[in-house]
Amino acid sequence: MAETRRSTEDRQAELIDAALRIIATRGITALSTRALAAEVGLSTGAIFRHFATLDALLDAVVERVEAVLAATFPSAELAPLARLDAFVEARSTAVGNQLGILRLMLSDQFLLALPAQGSARLEGCVQRSRAFVLACLREGQASGAVRSDVSAEALVPVVMGTVQMLALSGAGVRQRVVEGRRVREGLSTLLRPPSTADVSEGG
């Protein structure tokens, strides 16, 4: 009886969450209707009442990933470094809470296992993220807020790598907040122009 009272939207969200958990812990090759059924306590037949095919479920997973990532882009009104800091905090937290997203984004195996359109959409997410970071860095360099002795293109992987490292942190929630703040402060220091004193000492 409890199953019939739950809406299709609720069941679909539950199945998407379960798919991301399976992807995060066992890989996309372990994602099957049987694995999903065991994860959520439904019969395999019940799953097909909410998603006609496994590809339809994967399409919904990609849609969830797009929505989660889109929500991590901060306001364009923030200054470049503040915008990057907000992005790193929001993105690492969102992805850290659903590691299946990171697995999908980083693994060629996962991308190849998705329907072609899904892979292209995830690649679009990656490109939008890189373009956002690059634009912030270039704007910061133009205003003097970001160091210009290193190209903005070379700094993009530093920022994106920081997001991934924080997302994968095994620390507890409280420790993750402290660690995240410390790492973001270090990133901000790294991105700022070297001080005159540092330059003179280096020379």
Protein backbone atom coordinates (compact mmCIF):
# COMPACT_ATOMS: atom_id res chain seq x y z
CA MET A 1 0.00 0.00 0.00
CA ALA A 2 2.81 2.37 0.87
CA GLU A 3 4.23 2.04 -2.64
CA THR A 4 1.00 3.09 -4.35
CA ARG A 5 0.73 6.23 -2.22
CA ARG A 6 4.10 7.49 -3.39
CA SER A 7 4.03 9.63 -6.50
CA THR A 8 5.89 8.74 -9.66
CA GLU A 9 8.04 11.86 -9.16
CA ASP A 10 9.07 10.65 -5.68
CA ARG A 11 9.90 7.19 -6.97
CA GLN A 12 11.86 8.60 -9.90
CA ALA A 13 13.90 10.82 -7.56
CA GLU A 14 14.54 7.80 -5.31
CA LEU A 15 15.71 5.72 -8.26
CA ILE A 16 17.99 8.50 -9.53
CA ASP A 17 19.56 8.82 -6.06
CA ALA A 18 20.01 5.05 -5.92
CA ALA A 19 21.63 5.03 -9.38
CA LEU A 20 24.12 7.69 -8.30
CA ARG A 21 24.95 5.70 -5.14
CA ILE A 22 25.59 2.56 -7.18
CA ILE A 23 27.75 4.49 -9.64
CA ALA A 24 29.73 6.07 -6.79
CA THR A 25 30.38 2.82 -4.91
CA ARG A 26 30.41 0.10 -7.56
CA GLY A 27 30.78 1.81 -10.93
CA ILE A 28 28.38 2.30 -13.79
CA THR A 29 28.84 -1.28 -15.01
CA ALA A 30 27.14 -2.43 -11.78
CA LEU A 31 24.08 -0.33 -12.56
CA SER A 32 21.25 -2.66 -13.56
CA THR A 33 17.56 -2.96 -12.90
CA ARG A 34 18.30 -5.79 -10.48
CA ALA A 35 20.83 -3.69 -8.55
CA LEU A 36 18.40 -0.77 -8.46
CA ALA A 37 15.58 -3.00 -7.26
CA ALA A 38 17.74 -4.30 -4.41
CA GLU A 39 18.86 -0.78 -3.52
CA VAL A 40 15.36 0.68 -3.17
CA GLY A 41 13.37 -2.41 -2.20
CA LEU A 42 11.24 -2.64 -5.35
CA SER A 43 10.69 -5.41 -7.85
CA THR A 44 12.40 -5.02 -11.23
CA GLY A 45 8.97 -4.77 -12.81
CA ALA A 46 8.08 -1.86 -10.54
CA ILE A 47 11.13 0.05 -11.78
CA PHE A 48 9.85 -0.07 -15.34
CA ARG A 49 6.65 1.61 -14.22
CA HIS A 50 8.73 4.70 -13.47
CA PHE A 51 11.37 4.46 -16.20
CA ALA A 52 10.58 2.63 -19.42
CA THR A 53 14.22 1.66 -20.01
CA LEU A 54 17.58 1.85 -18.28
CA ASP A 55 18.60 4.49 -20.84
CA ALA A 56 15.61 6.58 -19.74
CA LEU A 57 16.86 6.34 -16.16
CA LEU A 58 20.38 7.32 -17.23
CA ASP A 59 18.93 10.30 -19.09
CA ALA A 60 17.22 11.36 -15.85
CA VAL A 61 20.51 10.91 -13.97
CA VAL A 62 22.24 13.23 -16.45
CA GLU A 63 19.44 15.75 -15.99
CA ARG A 64 19.98 15.61 -12.22
CA VAL A 65 23.72 16.14 -12.68
CA GLU A 66 23.07 19.16 -14.91
CA ALA A 67 20.73 20.68 -12.33
CA VAL A 68 23.09 20.10 -9.39
CA LEU A 69 26.07 21.59 -11.23
CA ALA A 70 24.11 24.57 -12.59
CA ALA A 71 23.10 25.50 -9.04
CA THR A 72 26.76 25.86 -8.01
CA PHE A 73 27.53 28.84 -10.25
CA PRO A 74 27.54 31.97 -8.05
CA SER A 75 26.30 35.45 -8.86
CA ALA A 76 28.19 37.34 -11.55
CA GLU A 77 27.99 40.39 -9.28
CA LEU A 78 30.70 39.00 -7.00
CA ALA A 79 34.31 40.05 -7.53
CA PRO A 80 36.37 37.45 -9.45
CA LEU A 81 38.18 35.89 -6.47
CA ALA A 82 35.01 35.88 -4.35
CA ARG A 83 33.16 34.29 -7.26
CA LEU A 84 35.79 31.56 -7.58
CA ASP A 85 35.76 30.94 -3.83
CA ALA A 86 31.96 30.63 -3.82
CA PHE A 87 32.13 28.29 -6.81
CA VAL A 88 34.76 26.03 -5.22
CA GLU A 89 32.78 25.84 -1.98
CA ALA A 90 29.41 25.20 -3.63
CA ARG A 91 30.69 22.75 -6.26
CA SER A 92 32.87 20.67 -3.92
CA THR A 93 30.04 20.44 -1.38
CA ALA A 94 27.39 19.49 -3.95
CA VAL A 95 29.58 16.90 -5.65
CA GLY A 96 30.96 15.62 -2.34
CA ASN A 97 27.39 14.90 -1.23
CA GLN A 98 26.75 12.87 -4.41
CA LEU A 99 30.03 11.28 -5.45
CA GLY A 100 28.33 9.48 -8.32
CA ILE A 101 28.33 12.86 -10.08
CA LEU A 102 32.11 13.10 -9.85
CA ARG A 103 32.52 9.51 -11.05
CA LEU A 104 30.37 10.27 -14.08
CA MET A 105 32.24 13.46 -14.89
CA LEU A 106 35.76 12.03 -14.59
CA SER A 107 35.56 8.53 -16.03
CA ASP A 108 35.77 7.88 -19.75
CA GLN A 109 34.32 4.42 -19.04
CA PHE A 110 31.24 5.99 -17.50
CA LEU A 111 30.83 8.46 -20.33
CA LEU A 112 31.07 5.66 -22.90
CA ALA A 113 28.44 3.64 -21.03
CA LEU A 114 25.93 6.47 -21.25
CA PRO A 115 23.70 7.05 -24.27
CA ALA A 116 25.56 9.33 -26.73
CA GLN A 117 23.36 12.32 -25.97
CA GLY A 118 23.98 11.90 -22.24
CA SER A 119 27.74 11.84 -22.72
CA ALA A 120 27.56 15.02 -24.81
CA ARG A 121 25.48 16.76 -22.16
CA LEU A 122 27.95 15.85 -19.40
CA GLU A 123 30.82 17.03 -21.58
CA GLY A 124 28.91 20.29 -21.95
CA CYS A 125 28.77 20.58 -18.14
CA VAL A 126 32.54 20.16 -17.97
CA GLN A 127 33.12 22.78 -20.67
CA ARG A 128 30.76 25.28 -19.00
CA SER A 129 32.56 24.82 -15.71
CA ARG A 130 35.98 25.36 -17.27
CA ALA A 131 34.73 28.38 -19.20
CA PHE A 132 33.32 29.89 -15.99
CA VAL A 133 36.60 29.42 -14.12
CA LEU A 134 38.63 30.75 -17.04
CA ALA A 135 36.41 33.85 -17.34
CA CYS A 136 36.79 34.57 -13.61
CA LEU A 137 40.56 34.22 -13.81
CA ARG A 138 40.87 36.44 -16.87
CA GLU A 139 38.63 39.08 -15.32
CA GLY A 140 40.71 38.90 -12.14
CA GLN A 141 43.94 39.29 -14.10
CA ALA A 142 42.54 42.28 -15.99
CA SER A 143 41.64 43.97 -12.69
CA GLY A 144 44.91 43.06 -10.97
CA ALA A 145 43.21 40.78 -8.43
CA VAL A 146 44.68 37.58 -9.91
CA ARG A 147 48.34 36.97 -10.65
CA SER A 148 49.26 37.50 -14.28
CA ASP A 149 52.68 35.81 -14.21
CA VAL A 150 50.88 32.53 -14.85
CA SER A 151 48.39 32.19 -17.69
CA ALA A 152 44.72 31.92 -16.80
CA GLU A 153 44.57 28.69 -18.83
CA ALA A 154 47.29 27.16 -16.65
CA LEU A 155 45.43 28.14 -13.47
CA VAL A 156 42.14 26.51 -14.48
CA PRO A 157 43.30 22.95 -13.60
CA VAL A 158 44.48 24.24 -10.21
CA VAL A 159 40.99 25.49 -9.40
CA MET A 160 39.20 22.43 -10.80
CA GLY A 161 41.64 20.09 -9.04
CA THR A 162 40.89 21.85 -5.75
CA VAL A 163 37.19 21.20 -6.26
CA GLN A 164 37.83 17.50 -6.88
CA MET A 165 40.16 17.14 -3.89
CA LEU A 166 37.67 18.74 -1.52
CA ALA A 167 34.79 16.69 -2.93
CA LEU A 168 36.70 13.46 -2.35
CA SER A 169 37.78 14.36 1.19
CA GLY A 170 37.01 11.55 3.59
CA ALA A 171 36.68 13.93 6.53
CA GLY A 172 33.49 14.23 8.55
CA VAL A 173 31.08 17.06 7.81
CA ARG A 174 32.45 19.43 10.46
CA GLN A 175 36.08 18.67 9.63
CA ARG A 176 35.30 19.02 5.92
CA VAL A 177 34.02 22.55 6.51
CA VAL A 178 37.22 23.51 8.37
CA GLU A 179 39.44 21.78 5.80
CA GLY A 180 37.52 23.38 2.94
CA ARG A 181 37.92 26.86 4.37
CA ARG A 182 41.66 26.32 4.87
CA VAL A 183 42.17 24.95 1.36
CA ARG A 184 40.14 27.74 -0.24
CA GLU A 185 42.19 30.34 1.64
CA GLY A 186 45.33 28.67 0.33
CA LEU A 187 43.94 28.70 -3.22
CA SER A 188 43.07 32.38 -2.92
CA THR A 189 46.60 33.15 -1.72
CA LEU A 190 48.04 31.19 -4.63
CA LEU A 191 45.89 33.06 -7.14
CA ARG A 192 46.68 36.55 -5.86
CA PRO A 193 49.60 38.47 -7.37
CA PRO A 194 52.89 37.89 -5.54
CA SER A 195 53.67 40.72 -3.14
CA THR A 196 56.52 43.11 -3.82
CA ALA A 197 58.38 41.61 -0.85
CA ASP A 198 58.02 38.09 -2.26
CA VAL A 199 59.30 39.25 -5.64
CA SER A 200 62.33 40.98 -4.17
CA GLU A 201 63.16 37.98 -1.97
CA GLY A 202 62.80 35.66 -4.94
CA GLY A 203 65.10 37.79 -7.01
